Amino acid sequence: MFDNVVQASEAFRESAHRMQGSLRMALKGCPECRTVDMIASPSLGACEDCGSAMIALPR
């Protein structure tokens, strides 16, 4: 399994120069306390600081 991860990582690294500019970090934010974080899962969840619902931030 580790070999598969290494191969995938190497393939991504080798093709990264062709994908430059195609990937954008998506951000979520808390409207209450202004916390900003990267979206790392399908659900936005709640703010870790105040508990409010997070929203997707425009680009």
N, C-alpha and C. Protein backbone atom coordinates (compact mmCIF):
# COMPACT_ATOMS: atom_id res chain seq x y z
N MET A 1 0.83 -1.19 0.00
CA MET A 1 0.00 0.00 0.00
C MET A 1 0.87 1.26 0.00
N PHE A 2 1.93 1.24 0.79
CA PHE A 2 2.83 2.40 0.84
C PHE A 2 3.41 2.68 -0.54
N ASP A 3 3.73 1.62 -1.27
CA ASP A 3 4.29 1.80 -2.62
C ASP A 3 3.29 2.53 -3.53
N ASN A 4 2.00 2.22 -3.40
CA ASN A 4 0.98 2.89 -4.21
C ASN A 4 0.91 4.37 -3.88
N VAL A 5 1.01 4.70 -2.60
CA VAL A 5 0.98 6.10 -2.19
C VAL A 5 2.19 6.84 -2.74
N VAL A 6 3.35 6.22 -2.67
CA VAL A 6 4.57 6.83 -3.19
C VAL A 6 4.46 7.04 -4.70
N GLN A 7 3.92 6.07 -5.42
CA GLN A 7 3.77 6.19 -6.86
C GLN A 7 2.80 7.32 -7.22
N ALA A 8 1.69 7.40 -6.50
CA ALA A 8 0.72 8.46 -6.77
C ALA A 8 1.33 9.83 -6.47
N SER A 9 2.07 9.93 -5.39
CA SER A 9 2.70 11.19 -5.03
C SER A 9 3.73 11.60 -6.08
N GLU A 10 4.51 10.65 -6.53
CA GLU A 10 5.53 10.93 -7.54
C GLU A 10 4.88 11.35 -8.86
N ALA A 11 3.78 10.69 -9.25
CA ALA A 11 3.08 11.05 -10.48
C ALA A 11 2.51 12.46 -10.38
N PHE A 12 1.96 12.79 -9.23
CA PHE A 12 1.43 14.14 -9.05
C PHE A 12 2.55 15.17 -9.12
N ARG A 13 3.67 14.89 -8.47
CA ARG A 13 4.80 15.82 -8.47
C ARG A 13 5.32 16.04 -9.89
N GLU A 14 5.42 14.97 -10.66
CA GLU A 14 5.94 15.08 -12.02
C GLU A 14 5.00 15.86 -12.94
N SER A 15 3.71 15.80 -12.68
CA SER A 15 2.76 16.50 -13.57
C SER A 15 2.32 17.84 -13.01
N ALA A 16 2.83 18.24 -11.87
CA ALA A 16 2.39 19.49 -11.23
C ALA A 16 2.67 20.71 -12.09
N HIS A 17 3.75 20.73 -12.83
CA HIS A 17 4.06 21.90 -13.65
C HIS A 17 3.02 22.11 -14.75
N ARG A 18 2.37 21.05 -15.20
CA ARG A 18 1.32 21.17 -16.23
C ARG A 18 0.01 21.64 -15.64
N MET A 19 -0.20 21.44 -14.36
CA MET A 19 -1.46 21.81 -13.72
C MET A 19 -1.38 23.16 -13.01
N GLN A 20 -0.31 23.86 -13.17
CA GLN A 20 -0.12 25.12 -12.48
C GLN A 20 -1.28 26.07 -12.76
N GLY A 21 -1.89 26.56 -11.70
CA GLY A 21 -3.00 27.47 -11.83
C GLY A 21 -4.36 26.81 -11.94
N SER A 22 -4.41 25.49 -12.06
CA SER A 22 -5.70 24.83 -12.21
C SER A 22 -6.33 24.46 -10.87
N LEU A 23 -5.55 24.35 -9.84
CA LEU A 23 -6.09 24.02 -8.52
C LEU A 23 -6.14 25.27 -7.65
N ARG A 24 -7.27 25.44 -6.99
CA ARG A 24 -7.40 26.59 -6.09
C ARG A 24 -7.84 26.09 -4.73
N MET A 25 -7.28 26.65 -3.70
CA MET A 25 -7.66 26.30 -2.36
C MET A 25 -9.05 26.87 -2.09
N ALA A 26 -9.95 26.03 -1.62
CA ALA A 26 -11.30 26.49 -1.27
C ALA A 26 -11.32 26.81 0.22
N LEU A 27 -11.92 27.94 0.57
CA LEU A 27 -11.93 28.38 1.96
C LEU A 27 -13.34 28.41 2.51
N LYS A 28 -13.43 28.14 3.81
CA LYS A 28 -14.68 28.30 4.54
C LYS A 28 -14.43 29.30 5.65
N GLY A 29 -15.48 29.97 6.08
CA GLY A 29 -15.30 30.98 7.10
C GLY A 29 -16.49 31.05 8.05
N CYS A 30 -16.25 31.60 9.21
CA CYS A 30 -17.29 31.78 10.22
C CYS A 30 -17.77 33.23 10.16
N PRO A 31 -19.06 33.44 9.90
CA PRO A 31 -19.57 34.80 9.82
C PRO A 31 -19.59 35.51 11.18
N GLU A 32 -19.54 34.76 12.27
CA GLU A 32 -19.59 35.35 13.61
C GLU A 32 -18.23 35.86 14.08
N CYS A 33 -17.23 34.99 14.06
CA CYS A 33 -15.92 35.39 14.62
C CYS A 33 -14.84 35.57 13.56
N ARG A 34 -15.21 35.42 12.27
CA ARG A 34 -14.29 35.66 11.14
C ARG A 34 -13.13 34.67 11.04
N THR A 35 -13.28 33.48 11.63
CA THR A 35 -12.28 32.43 11.48
C THR A 35 -12.32 31.93 10.04
N VAL A 36 -11.16 31.73 9.41
CA VAL A 36 -11.06 31.22 8.05
C VAL A 36 -10.22 29.96 8.07
N ASP A 37 -10.66 28.95 7.30
CA ASP A 37 -9.95 27.68 7.25
C ASP A 37 -10.13 27.09 5.86
N MET A 38 -9.25 26.17 5.49
CA MET A 38 -9.35 25.49 4.21
C MET A 38 -10.42 24.41 4.30
N ILE A 39 -11.22 24.25 3.24
CA ILE A 39 -12.22 23.19 3.20
C ILE A 39 -11.48 21.89 2.93
N ALA A 40 -11.64 20.94 3.86
CA ALA A 40 -10.93 19.66 3.74
C ALA A 40 -11.87 18.47 3.76
N SER A 41 -13.18 18.71 3.75
CA SER A 41 -14.15 17.62 3.73
C SER A 41 -15.41 18.10 3.04
N PRO A 42 -16.29 17.17 2.65
CA PRO A 42 -17.51 17.58 1.97
C PRO A 42 -18.44 18.46 2.80
N SER A 43 -18.43 18.30 4.11
CA SER A 43 -19.28 19.15 4.95
C SER A 43 -18.47 20.30 5.52
N LEU A 44 -19.10 21.45 5.66
CA LEU A 44 -18.39 22.63 6.17
C LEU A 44 -18.25 22.58 7.69
N GLY A 45 -19.20 21.99 8.38
CA GLY A 45 -19.11 21.83 9.82
C GLY A 45 -19.35 23.12 10.59
N ALA A 46 -18.94 23.09 11.83
CA ALA A 46 -19.11 24.23 12.73
C ALA A 46 -17.75 24.82 13.08
N CYS A 47 -17.75 26.08 13.41
CA CYS A 47 -16.53 26.79 13.81
C CYS A 47 -15.99 26.20 15.11
N GLU A 48 -14.72 25.90 15.13
CA GLU A 48 -14.10 25.35 16.34
C GLU A 48 -13.98 26.40 17.44
N ASP A 49 -13.96 27.68 17.07
CA ASP A 49 -13.80 28.74 18.06
C ASP A 49 -15.12 29.11 18.74
N CYS A 50 -16.20 29.27 17.95
CA CYS A 50 -17.45 29.74 18.56
C CYS A 50 -18.64 28.81 18.36
N GLY A 51 -18.52 27.81 17.48
CA GLY A 51 -19.60 26.85 17.28
C GLY A 51 -20.61 27.22 16.20
N SER A 52 -20.47 28.38 15.58
CA SER A 52 -21.39 28.79 14.51
C SER A 52 -21.16 27.96 13.25
N ALA A 53 -22.17 27.90 12.40
CA ALA A 53 -22.05 27.16 11.13
C ALA A 53 -21.09 27.88 10.19
N MET A 54 -20.20 27.14 9.59
CA MET A 54 -19.25 27.70 8.64
C MET A 54 -19.94 27.87 7.29
N ILE A 55 -19.46 28.82 6.48
CA ILE A 55 -19.97 29.05 5.12
C ILE A 55 -18.81 29.00 4.14
N ALA A 56 -19.09 28.63 2.90
CA ALA A 56 -18.06 28.65 1.86
C ALA A 56 -17.80 30.10 1.48
N LEU A 57 -16.54 30.45 1.39
CA LEU A 57 -16.17 31.83 1.05
C LEU A 57 -15.99 31.95 -0.47
N PRO A 58 -16.41 33.08 -1.05
CA PRO A 58 -16.22 33.27 -2.49
C PRO A 58 -14.74 33.41 -2.82
N ARG A 59 -14.40 33.10 -4.06
CA ARG A 59 -13.00 33.18 -4.49
C ARG A 59 -12.53 34.58 -4.58
